[in-house]
Protein backbone atom coordinates (compact mmCIF):
# COMPACT_ATOMS: atom_id res chain seq x y z
CA UNK A 1 -1.85 -106.48 70.56
CA UNK A 2 -4.15 -109.39 71.36
CA UNK A 3 -5.37 -111.84 68.76
CA UNK A 4 -8.89 -110.43 68.70
CA UNK A 5 -7.70 -106.90 67.93
CA UNK A 6 -5.30 -108.19 65.29
CA UNK A 7 -8.09 -110.08 63.56
CA UNK A 8 -10.38 -107.06 63.57
CA UNK A 9 -7.76 -105.04 61.73
CA UNK A 10 -5.79 -107.38 59.52
CA UNK A 11 -8.71 -109.54 58.44
CA UNK A 12 -11.24 -106.78 57.87
CA UNK A 13 -9.20 -105.25 55.06
CA UNK A 14 -10.08 -101.75 56.31
CA UNK A 15 -6.53 -100.61 56.89
CA UNK A 16 -3.35 -102.52 57.59
CA UNK A 17 -1.25 -101.65 60.59
CA UNK A 18 2.19 -100.20 60.09
CA UNK A 19 3.30 -100.11 63.70
CA UNK A 20 2.11 -101.29 67.08
CA UNK A 21 3.20 -101.70 70.65
CA UNK A 22 3.34 -105.47 71.12
CA UNK A 23 6.54 -106.50 72.90
CA UNK A 24 7.34 -102.79 73.21
CA UNK A 25 8.53 -102.46 69.64
CA UNK A 26 7.57 -100.75 66.40
CA UNK A 27 7.55 -102.67 63.15
CA UNK A 28 6.42 -102.38 59.56
CA UNK A 29 3.83 -105.07 58.87
CA UNK A 30 2.30 -106.42 55.69
CA UNK A 31 -0.64 -108.81 56.18
CA UNK A 32 0.39 -112.31 55.23
CA UNK A 33 4.01 -111.31 54.78
CA UNK A 34 7.05 -112.45 56.72
CA UNK A 35 7.81 -111.07 60.16
CA UNK A 36 10.58 -108.44 59.94
CA UNK A 37 13.92 -109.81 61.03
CA UNK A 38 14.66 -106.64 63.00
CA UNK A 39 12.05 -104.44 64.69
CA UNK A 40 12.97 -101.01 66.00
CA UNK A 41 12.70 -100.80 69.77
CA UNK A 42 10.10 -98.35 70.96
CA UNK A 43 11.75 -95.50 72.87
CA UNK A 44 11.04 -95.34 76.59
CA UNK A 45 8.10 -93.18 77.71
CA UNK A 46 9.65 -92.58 81.15
CA UNK A 47 10.03 -88.84 80.47
CA UNK A 48 6.29 -88.39 80.00
CA UNK A 49 3.60 -87.76 82.60
CA UNK A 50 2.00 -91.06 83.58
CA UNK A 51 -1.25 -90.83 81.62
CA UNK A 52 0.44 -89.79 78.38
CA UNK A 53 3.11 -92.46 78.84
CA UNK A 54 0.41 -95.12 79.25
CA UNK A 55 -1.26 -93.88 76.07
CA UNK A 56 1.89 -93.78 73.96
CA UNK A 57 2.84 -97.28 75.08
CA UNK A 58 -0.33 -98.58 73.38
CA UNK A 59 -0.22 -96.66 70.12
CA UNK A 60 -0.72 -98.48 66.83
CA UNK A 61 -0.25 -96.64 63.54
CA UNK A 62 -2.28 -97.58 60.47
CA UNK A 63 -1.40 -96.89 56.84
CA UNK A 64 -2.27 -93.40 55.62
CA UNK A 65 -5.19 -91.79 53.89
CA UNK A 66 -3.77 -89.33 51.37
CA UNK A 67 -5.13 -86.19 49.69
CA UNK A 68 -2.66 -84.74 47.19
CA UNK A 69 0.49 -84.52 49.34
CA UNK A 70 -1.15 -84.44 52.77
CA UNK A 71 -1.10 -87.88 54.44
CA UNK A 72 -3.21 -88.63 57.53
CA UNK A 73 -2.16 -91.68 59.55
CA UNK A 74 -4.92 -93.06 61.81
CA UNK A 75 -3.79 -93.92 65.33
CA UNK A 76 -5.34 -96.78 67.29
CA UNK A 77 -4.69 -98.10 70.76
CA UNK A 78 -4.01 -101.57 72.05
CA UNK A 79 -6.72 -102.06 74.67
CA UNK A 80 -8.86 -99.48 76.47
CA UNK A 81 -7.30 -96.51 78.26
CA UNK A 82 -10.37 -96.09 80.44
CA UNK A 83 -11.73 -92.55 79.83
CA UNK A 84 -15.23 -93.10 81.20
CA UNK A 85 -18.46 -91.16 81.42
CA UNK A 86 -20.39 -89.05 78.95
CA UNK A 87 -18.49 -86.43 76.97
CA UNK A 88 -19.42 -83.54 74.70
CA UNK A 89 -17.32 -81.44 72.35
CA UNK A 90 -17.56 -77.64 72.37
CA UNK A 91 -19.81 -77.46 69.32
CA UNK A 92 -22.18 -80.20 70.43
CA UNK A 93 -22.43 -78.82 73.98
CA UNK A 94 -23.28 -75.32 72.71
CA UNK A 95 -25.82 -76.63 70.19
CA UNK A 96 -27.59 -78.54 72.96
CA UNK A 97 -27.63 -75.55 75.28
CA UNK A 98 -25.42 -77.38 77.77
CA UNK A 99 -22.42 -75.06 77.42
CA UNK A 100 -22.96 -71.33 77.83
CA UNK A 101 -20.20 -68.86 76.91
CA UNK A 102 -20.57 -65.16 77.65
CA UNK A 103 -18.49 -62.01 77.79
CA UNK A 104 -16.91 -61.27 81.16
CA UNK A 105 -18.72 -58.47 82.97
CA UNK A 106 -20.90 -55.79 81.39
CA UNK A 107 -18.16 -54.36 79.21
CA UNK A 108 -16.42 -57.58 78.21
CA UNK A 109 -12.74 -58.46 78.37
CA UNK A 110 -10.68 -59.23 75.27
CA UNK A 111 -8.51 -62.00 76.83
CA UNK A 112 -11.21 -63.67 78.95
CA UNK A 113 -14.73 -65.11 78.66
CA UNK A 114 -17.02 -66.94 81.08
CA UNK A 115 -17.83 -70.58 80.36
CA UNK A 116 -20.36 -72.72 82.23
CA UNK A 117 -21.20 -76.40 81.80
CA UNK A 118 -24.87 -76.70 82.79
CA UNK A 119 -24.98 -80.47 82.38
CA UNK A 120 -25.50 -82.59 85.48
CA UNK A 121 -23.62 -85.64 84.23
CA UNK A 122 -21.57 -84.79 81.11
CA UNK A 123 -18.03 -83.51 80.81
CA UNK A 124 -17.25 -80.97 78.08
CA UNK A 125 -13.92 -80.95 76.25
CA UNK A 126 -12.79 -77.66 74.67
CA UNK A 127 -9.75 -77.97 72.39
CA UNK A 128 -7.09 -75.28 72.04
CA UNK A 129 -7.61 -73.30 68.85
CA UNK A 130 -11.37 -73.82 68.65
CA UNK A 131 -13.23 -70.68 67.59
CA UNK A 132 -16.27 -69.19 69.32
CA UNK A 133 -18.35 -66.65 67.38
CA UNK A 134 -20.44 -63.71 68.50
CA UNK A 135 -19.98 -61.68 71.65
CA UNK A 136 -18.28 -58.36 71.04
CA UNK A 137 -15.70 -60.08 68.85
CA UNK A 138 -14.91 -63.63 67.77
CA UNK A 139 -12.32 -65.45 69.92
CA UNK A 140 -10.19 -68.59 69.94
CA UNK A 141 -9.41 -70.76 72.96
CA UNK A 142 -5.77 -70.68 74.14
CA UNK A 143 -5.52 -74.09 75.88
CA UNK A 144 -7.24 -77.46 76.18
CA UNK A 145 -9.89 -77.40 78.90
CA UNK A 146 -12.16 -79.97 80.54
CA UNK A 147 -15.29 -78.75 82.30
CA UNK A 148 -16.86 -81.09 84.84
CA UNK A 149 -20.66 -81.17 85.20
CA UNK A 150 -21.87 -77.90 86.70
CA UNK A 151 -18.46 -76.24 86.51
CA UNK A 152 -17.99 -72.56 85.62
CA UNK A 153 -14.62 -70.98 84.80
CA UNK A 154 -12.96 -67.93 83.31
CA UNK A 155 -11.48 -69.10 79.99
CA UNK A 156 -8.38 -67.52 78.47
CA UNK A 157 -8.87 -66.55 74.81
CA UNK A 158 -7.41 -64.51 71.95
CA UNK A 159 -9.35 -62.22 69.65
CA UNK A 160 -9.50 -63.43 66.03
CA UNK A 161 -11.53 -60.48 64.71
CA UNK A 162 -9.47 -57.32 65.02
CA UNK A 163 -11.93 -54.66 63.83
CA UNK A 164 -15.10 -55.31 65.80
CA UNK A 165 -16.02 -54.54 69.41
CA UNK A 166 -19.78 -54.51 69.53
CA UNK A 167 -22.60 -57.00 69.79
CA UNK A 168 -24.28 -59.13 72.41
CA UNK A 169 -22.84 -60.98 75.37
CA UNK A 170 -23.34 -64.55 74.18
CA UNK A 171 -21.18 -66.76 71.96
CA UNK A 172 -22.09 -69.55 69.57
CA UNK A 173 -20.12 -72.43 68.08
CA UNK A 174 -18.16 -71.34 65.01
CA UNK A 175 -17.47 -74.89 63.88
CA UNK A 176 -13.88 -73.93 63.14
CA UNK A 177 -10.33 -74.39 64.39
CA UNK A 178 -7.53 -71.90 63.72
CA UNK A 179 -5.02 -73.00 61.04
CA UNK A 180 -1.95 -74.81 62.33
CA UNK A 181 0.31 -71.83 61.67
CA UNK A 182 -1.80 -69.81 64.12
CA UNK A 183 -2.11 -72.74 66.51
CA UNK A 184 1.66 -72.75 66.71
CA UNK A 185 1.62 -69.10 67.77
CA UNK A 186 -0.77 -70.01 70.61
CA UNK A 187 1.62 -72.68 71.82
CA UNK A 188 4.63 -70.40 71.57
CA UNK A 189 3.05 -68.00 74.05
CA UNK A 190 2.62 -65.14 71.62
CA UNK A 191 0.73 -61.88 72.19
CA UNK A 192 -2.51 -60.53 70.74
CA UNK A 193 -0.78 -58.29 68.20
CA UNK A 194 1.03 -61.27 66.70
CA UNK A 195 -2.22 -63.23 66.44
CA UNK A 196 -3.85 -60.36 64.54
CA UNK A 197 -0.85 -60.18 62.22
CA UNK A 198 -1.02 -63.91 61.49
CA UNK A 199 -4.77 -63.72 60.82
CA UNK A 200 -4.29 -60.82 58.41
CA UNK A 201 -1.62 -62.84 56.58
CA UNK A 202 -3.86 -65.90 56.50
CA UNK A 203 -6.96 -64.05 55.25
CA UNK A 204 -4.96 -62.29 52.55
CA UNK A 205 -3.34 -65.52 51.37
CA UNK A 206 -6.77 -67.17 51.19
CA UNK A 207 -8.15 -64.16 49.30
CA UNK A 208 -10.84 -63.95 51.96
CA UNK A 209 -10.23 -60.57 53.57
CA UNK A 210 -13.19 -58.86 55.24
CA UNK A 211 -13.93 -55.55 56.92
CA UNK A 212 -13.73 -56.83 60.50
CA UNK A 213 -10.59 -58.91 59.98
CA UNK A 214 -12.51 -62.02 61.04
CA UNK A 215 -10.73 -65.35 60.78
CA UNK A 216 -14.07 -67.16 61.04
CA UNK A 217 -15.54 -65.30 58.09
CA UNK A 218 -12.45 -66.04 56.01
CA UNK A 219 -12.56 -69.76 56.80
CA UNK A 220 -16.28 -69.88 56.02
CA UNK A 221 -16.05 -68.03 52.72
CA UNK A 222 -17.50 -69.92 49.78
CA UNK A 223 -14.24 -70.50 47.94
CA UNK A 224 -12.39 -71.69 51.06
CA UNK A 225 -15.19 -74.04 52.13
CA UNK A 226 -15.41 -75.55 48.64
CA UNK A 227 -11.72 -76.49 48.79
CA UNK A 228 -11.81 -77.71 52.39
CA UNK A 229 -14.88 -79.78 51.60
CA UNK A 230 -12.91 -81.74 49.00
CA UNK A 231 -10.28 -82.61 51.59
CA UNK A 232 -12.87 -83.75 54.13
CA UNK A 233 -14.76 -85.88 51.61
CA UNK A 234 -11.53 -87.58 50.55
CA UNK A 235 -10.34 -88.43 54.06
CA UNK A 236 -13.12 -88.58 56.66
CA UNK A 237 -15.12 -91.49 55.14
CA UNK A 238 -11.94 -93.57 54.90
CA UNK A 239 -10.88 -93.27 58.54
CA UNK A 240 -11.19 -96.75 60.10
CA UNK A 241 -13.47 -97.47 62.99
CA UNK A 242 -11.76 -97.26 66.35
CA UNK A 243 -9.40 -94.44 65.39
CA UNK A 244 -8.28 -92.42 68.42
CA UNK A 245 -5.78 -90.05 66.87
CA UNK A 246 -3.95 -88.88 63.78
CA UNK A 247 -0.42 -88.18 62.56
CA UNK A 248 -0.15 -85.61 59.76
CA UNK A 249 2.60 -85.75 57.13
CA UNK A 250 3.04 -83.08 54.46
CA UNK A 251 5.28 -83.80 51.46
CA UNK A 252 7.35 -86.29 53.40
CA UNK A 253 7.65 -84.05 56.47
CA UNK A 254 5.75 -84.98 59.64
CA UNK A 255 4.13 -81.78 60.94
CA UNK A 256 1.87 -82.75 63.82
CA UNK A 257 -0.17 -85.32 65.71
CA UNK A 258 -3.40 -85.36 67.71
CA UNK A 259 -4.18 -88.05 70.30
CA UNK A 260 -7.60 -88.45 71.96
CA UNK A 261 -8.83 -90.50 74.89
CA UNK A 262 -12.05 -91.52 73.13
CA UNK A 263 -12.98 -92.51 69.61
CA UNK A 264 -16.06 -90.27 69.60
CA UNK A 265 -14.00 -87.17 70.45
CA UNK A 266 -11.53 -88.03 67.68
CA UNK A 267 -14.30 -88.57 65.13
CA UNK A 268 -16.21 -85.40 65.98
CA UNK A 269 -13.14 -83.18 65.94
CA UNK A 270 -11.48 -84.66 62.84
CA UNK A 271 -13.27 -82.39 60.30
CA UNK A 272 -12.06 -79.31 62.20
CA UNK A 273 -8.55 -80.71 62.46
CA UNK A 274 -8.46 -81.51 58.75
CA UNK A 275 -9.51 -77.95 57.91
CA UNK A 276 -6.83 -76.62 60.25
CA UNK A 277 -4.07 -78.63 58.57
CA UNK A 278 -5.46 -78.28 55.04
CA UNK A 279 -5.47 -74.47 55.13
CA UNK A 280 -1.69 -74.44 55.56
CA UNK A 281 -0.71 -77.61 53.73
CA UNK A 282 -3.20 -77.71 50.84
CA UNK A 283 -4.87 -74.34 50.23
CA UNK A 284 -1.88 -72.07 50.79
CA UNK A 285 0.66 -74.12 48.87
CA UNK A 286 1.95 -72.38 45.76
CA UNK A 287 3.04 -75.53 43.96
CA UNK A 288 0.55 -77.47 41.89
CA UNK A 289 -1.22 -80.30 43.75
CA UNK A 290 -0.27 -83.80 42.75
CA UNK A 291 -2.12 -87.04 42.99
CA UNK A 292 -1.30 -89.30 45.88
CA UNK A 293 1.85 -91.27 45.25
CA UNK A 294 4.01 -93.55 47.31
CA UNK A 295 4.18 -92.39 50.92
CA UNK A 296 7.26 -92.90 53.07
CA UNK A 297 5.53 -94.52 56.03
CA UNK A 298 8.71 -94.50 58.05
CA UNK A 299 8.33 -90.71 58.41
CA UNK A 300 5.19 -91.14 60.53
CA UNK A 301 6.79 -93.82 62.68
CA UNK A 302 9.92 -91.74 63.22
CA UNK A 303 7.79 -88.75 64.20
CA UNK A 304 5.96 -90.87 66.74
CA UNK A 305 9.31 -92.01 68.14
CA UNK A 306 10.36 -88.36 68.33
CA UNK A 307 7.24 -87.54 70.35
CA UNK A 308 7.97 -90.41 72.71
CA UNK A 309 11.56 -89.26 73.26
CA UNK A 310 10.63 -85.60 73.82
CA UNK A 311 8.80 -86.17 77.09
CA UNK A 312 6.18 -84.00 78.78
CA UNK A 313 5.48 -82.24 82.06
CA UNK A 314 2.59 -80.95 84.14
CA UNK A 315 1.12 -77.51 83.57
CA UNK A 316 -1.85 -75.54 84.85
CA UNK A 317 -5.34 -75.86 83.40
CA UNK A 318 -8.33 -73.59 83.93
CA UNK A 319 -10.85 -76.38 84.29
CA UNK A 320 -10.81 -79.84 85.81
CA UNK A 321 -8.04 -82.37 85.41
CA UNK A 322 -4.35 -81.78 84.75
CA UNK A 323 -2.58 -79.90 81.98
CA UNK A 324 0.22 -81.48 79.91
CA UNK A 325 2.99 -79.67 78.05
CA UNK A 326 5.98 -80.41 75.79
CA UNK A 327 8.56 -77.81 74.82
CA UNK A 328 11.57 -79.99 73.99
CA UNK A 329 12.97 -81.95 71.06
CA UNK A 330 11.85 -79.31 68.56
CA UNK A 331 8.21 -79.98 69.45
CA UNK A 332 5.35 -77.89 70.85
CA UNK A 333 2.76 -80.02 72.61
CA UNK A 334 -0.20 -79.37 74.90
CA UNK A 335 -3.02 -81.42 76.32
CA UNK A 336 -5.20 -82.28 79.27
CA UNK A 337 -6.09 -85.38 81.27
CA UNK A 338 -8.76 -86.24 83.81
CA UNK A 339 -8.57 -88.79 86.58
CA UNK A 340 -5.19 -90.02 85.40
CA UNK A 341 -6.44 -90.70 81.85
CA UNK A 342 -5.54 -88.73 78.72
CA UNK A 343 -8.33 -86.65 77.17
CA UNK A 344 -6.29 -84.98 74.42
CA UNK A 345 -2.70 -84.20 73.49
CA UNK A 346 -1.77 -82.23 70.38
CA UNK A 347 1.81 -81.71 69.21
CA UNK A 348 3.44 -79.79 66.35
CA UNK A 349 6.91 -79.28 65.00
CA UNK A 350 8.50 -76.04 66.17
CA UNK A 351 9.94 -75.12 62.77
CA UNK A 352 8.23 -72.84 60.30
CA UNK A 353 4.99 -74.01 58.68
CA UNK A 354 4.01 -71.10 56.42
CA UNK A 355 5.94 -70.40 54.32
CA UNK A 356 7.62 -73.82 54.43
CA UNK A 357 11.35 -73.92 55.11
CA UNK A 358 13.51 -73.80 52.01
CA UNK A 359 15.29 -77.05 51.15
CA UNK A 360 18.93 -77.13 52.07
CA UNK A 361 21.29 -76.65 49.11
CA UNK A 362 23.11 -79.83 48.04
CA UNK A 363 26.56 -80.35 49.46
CA UNK A 364 29.09 -80.10 46.58
CA UNK A 365 31.12 -83.15 45.70
CA UNK A 366 34.78 -82.89 46.65
CA UNK A 367 37.44 -84.81 44.76
CA UNK A 368 40.11 -86.49 46.85
CA UNK A 369 42.54 -88.56 44.85
CA UNK A 370 40.52 -91.00 42.77
CA UNK A 371 37.48 -90.84 45.10
CA UNK A 372 34.57 -88.44 45.11
CA UNK A 373 33.22 -87.75 48.56
CA UNK A 374 30.21 -85.76 49.71
CA UNK A 375 31.26 -83.50 52.53
CA UNK A 376 34.07 -84.46 54.83
CA UNK A 377 32.83 -87.88 55.87
CA UNK A 378 32.24 -89.41 52.45
CA UNK A 379 28.51 -89.92 53.13
């Protein structure tokens, strides 16, 4: 981290940095405090595809913004990764008439829609899990996609409205992202029946069931939006300028991370991402919410280290650029790059999200002579 960047962050008082990539190490930092005697070495990124490795090598983690027990850690980068040109998100591109999404053929096709970027000079980024409304039934996008100017593709989707197959050919922006529990099913390579089952569970738990089984209608119900709005208002205004990603921690357990190649993409997609995480980790929790308390920052840093160690590989993508995938280290990650530069990479833990895993029972104390030991190793 150069001196100019350090001054912008530590002197502004916006948000102190917890970890950064200077000298290839991670360290806990308190402005004005002593330098830690020992800094944990950043794991090697050699197992990652080049563009994601370059990104992870520059990551800086800031202290969290907390709503009840959900902590959001802003991610910054040391320097510029170089994602150039003009970019639009799905919602903005549709609202401007730049992106057109229609049913495939006269009769439509449940797992496929047609997407065209009509812009002459703007790329469009579509994030996995984003919802498109209308057509013969509402759908969600299976994978990250980048559309170059003028590009048209067939886009792989899932239905998120089980009991409707009628309507026009055109889709609109739903302004929604599937909850993380459903996002995980997308990454696990599930089938349509499983998606419908998860949506039915979700809508019932939210008390937002409807006659067409629409996930979009459930997420946009008055009661759900009122609760999600509180989360957004508590977190979005407090995200520091220059944020390019987020690490999400729920009750001391890191559950996911989202990394973007541009600050504008991160800022525009944050409200959707917050809703996606908040449905599972705020709205559907049975325990009573608690005010923000002390957060174990080391959890976020250790999760980042876990992501670095897991590695990534190439995969196919329907649009331009190159797909990225992680299916190791207990993580499910997917993303896309363009021109050797990361556009987006999202990663989740593989373990259960809803309902949360039960805590392990305590190991009984065993008496040996005059000593009490926990387990067989005395730890």
